[in-house]
Amino acid sequence: MLTQGARKTTDNMKVSVQSVNFNIDSKLVNFIEKKMEHLEKYNDQIIGAEIFLKVQKSSEKENKISEFKILLPGNDVIVKKQSKTFEEGINLSLDSLKRQLVKRKEKQRA
């Protein structure tokens, strides 16, 4: 089951949020959009983002998967995190994305 959660365009960035195996809550979509707005500070060449939130059917407590694909000219940046809650996974993913975007921008300047 794949549910289209939201499509939003910030100033330069098109954000697509999709949920797999559950129906996404508007609060979670708003949480993601708010967090995504901050990514443009780290790299101004972001074209868009594809976000997949999945619930893995297992007995483990950490069954929420957050997968972010940031679309950039050249190579895309992909981060995938597994956690107990989507909010935790989103925060972990965005922290990793920030580091990768900063590193990528520094390489371009060099």
Protein backbone atom coordinates (compact mmCIF):
# COMPACT_ATOMS: atom_id res chain seq x y z
CA MET A 1 0.00 0.00 0.00
CA LEU A 2 1.49 3.32 -1.09
CA THR A 3 -0.17 6.55 -0.03
CA GLN A 4 0.65 9.93 -1.48
CA GLY A 5 1.05 12.14 1.57
CA ALA A 6 1.88 15.56 0.23
CA ARG A 7 3.51 17.56 -2.47
CA LYS A 8 4.76 20.95 -1.54
CA THR A 9 7.04 23.40 -3.25
CA THR A 10 9.15 25.67 -1.08
CA ASP A 11 10.99 28.58 -2.71
CA ASN A 12 13.19 26.41 -4.93
CA MET A 13 12.49 22.89 -3.71
CA LYS A 14 9.74 20.44 -4.59
CA VAL A 15 9.05 18.04 -1.72
CA SER A 16 7.21 14.75 -2.19
CA VAL A 17 6.22 12.71 0.88
CA GLN A 18 4.95 9.16 0.47
CA SER A 19 3.90 6.63 3.07
CA VAL A 20 4.10 2.87 2.70
CA ASN A 21 1.90 0.50 4.75
CA PHE A 22 0.17 3.28 6.69
CA ASN A 23 -1.82 6.50 6.22
CA ILE A 24 0.24 9.58 6.92
CA ASP A 25 -1.00 12.17 9.40
CA SER A 26 -1.06 15.85 8.42
CA LYS A 27 0.92 16.68 11.59
CA LEU A 28 3.74 14.46 10.36
CA VAL A 29 3.67 16.09 6.91
CA ASN A 30 3.84 19.54 8.54
CA PHE A 31 6.73 18.34 10.74
CA ILE A 32 8.65 17.19 7.64
CA GLU A 33 7.95 20.38 5.68
CA LYS A 34 9.14 22.54 8.56
CA LYS A 35 12.36 20.53 8.86
CA MET A 36 12.98 20.51 5.09
CA GLU A 37 12.91 24.30 4.90
CA HIS A 38 16.13 24.38 6.94
CA LEU A 39 18.05 22.18 4.46
CA GLU A 40 18.31 24.97 1.89
CA LYS A 41 20.71 26.75 4.26
CA TYR A 42 23.24 23.95 3.76
CA ASN A 43 23.08 23.74 -0.03
CA ASP A 44 21.26 26.20 -2.26
CA GLN A 45 21.30 23.88 -5.30
CA ILE A 46 18.67 21.47 -3.98
CA ILE A 47 16.12 20.80 -6.72
CA GLY A 48 13.75 18.69 -4.68
CA ALA A 49 13.27 15.91 -2.17
CA GLU A 50 11.54 12.54 -2.23
CA ILE A 51 10.68 11.20 1.19
CA PHE A 52 9.44 7.69 1.85
CA LEU A 53 8.11 6.72 5.26
CA LYS A 54 7.58 2.99 5.77
CA VAL A 55 6.28 0.78 8.52
CA GLN A 56 8.03 -2.56 8.47
CA LYS A 57 5.83 -5.42 9.59
CA SER A 58 7.96 -7.04 12.27
CA SER A 59 8.03 -7.64 15.99
CA GLU A 60 10.89 -5.16 16.46
CA LYS A 61 10.15 -1.84 18.15
CA GLU A 62 12.35 -0.01 15.65
CA ASN A 63 10.09 -0.70 12.68
CA LYS A 64 9.75 2.83 11.25
CA ILE A 65 11.93 3.59 8.23
CA SER A 66 12.58 7.13 7.00
CA GLU A 67 14.22 7.40 3.60
CA PHE A 68 15.23 10.76 2.11
CA LYS A 69 16.43 11.32 -1.44
CA ILE A 70 17.67 14.87 -2.00
CA LEU A 71 17.79 15.80 -5.67
CA LEU A 72 20.86 17.81 -6.63
CA PRO A 73 22.56 18.57 -9.94
CA GLY A 74 24.91 15.63 -10.54
CA ASN A 75 24.52 13.00 -7.84
CA ASP A 76 21.58 12.73 -5.46
CA VAL A 77 22.06 12.31 -1.72
CA ILE A 78 20.21 9.39 -0.11
CA VAL A 79 19.80 8.71 3.59
CA LYS A 80 17.87 5.87 5.21
CA LYS A 81 17.28 5.53 8.96
CA GLN A 82 15.34 3.05 11.07
CA SER A 83 13.90 4.06 14.45
CA LYS A 84 11.07 3.70 16.97
CA THR A 85 9.19 6.79 15.76
CA PHE A 86 9.05 8.65 12.47
CA GLU A 87 9.97 11.92 14.18
CA GLU A 88 13.16 10.36 15.54
CA GLY A 89 13.99 8.84 12.13
CA ILE A 90 13.33 12.14 10.36
CA ASN A 91 15.59 14.02 12.77
CA LEU A 92 18.38 11.42 12.40
CA SER A 93 18.03 11.52 8.61
CA LEU A 94 18.15 15.31 8.46
CA ASP A 95 21.22 15.46 10.71
CA SER A 96 22.99 13.07 8.35
CA LEU A 97 21.78 15.02 5.30
CA LYS A 98 23.07 18.29 6.73
CA ARG A 99 26.55 16.80 7.20
CA GLN A 100 26.56 15.35 3.67
CA LEU A 101 25.31 18.59 2.08
CA VAL A 102 27.95 20.67 3.87
CA LYS A 103 30.67 18.21 2.85
CA ARG A 104 29.47 18.25 -0.75
CA LYS A 105 29.37 22.06 -0.86
CA GLU A 106 32.92 22.25 0.55
CA LYS A 107 34.15 19.84 -2.16
CA GLN A 108 32.59 22.02 -4.86
CA ARG A 109 34.37 25.11 -3.53
CA ALA A 110 37.76 23.36 -3.47
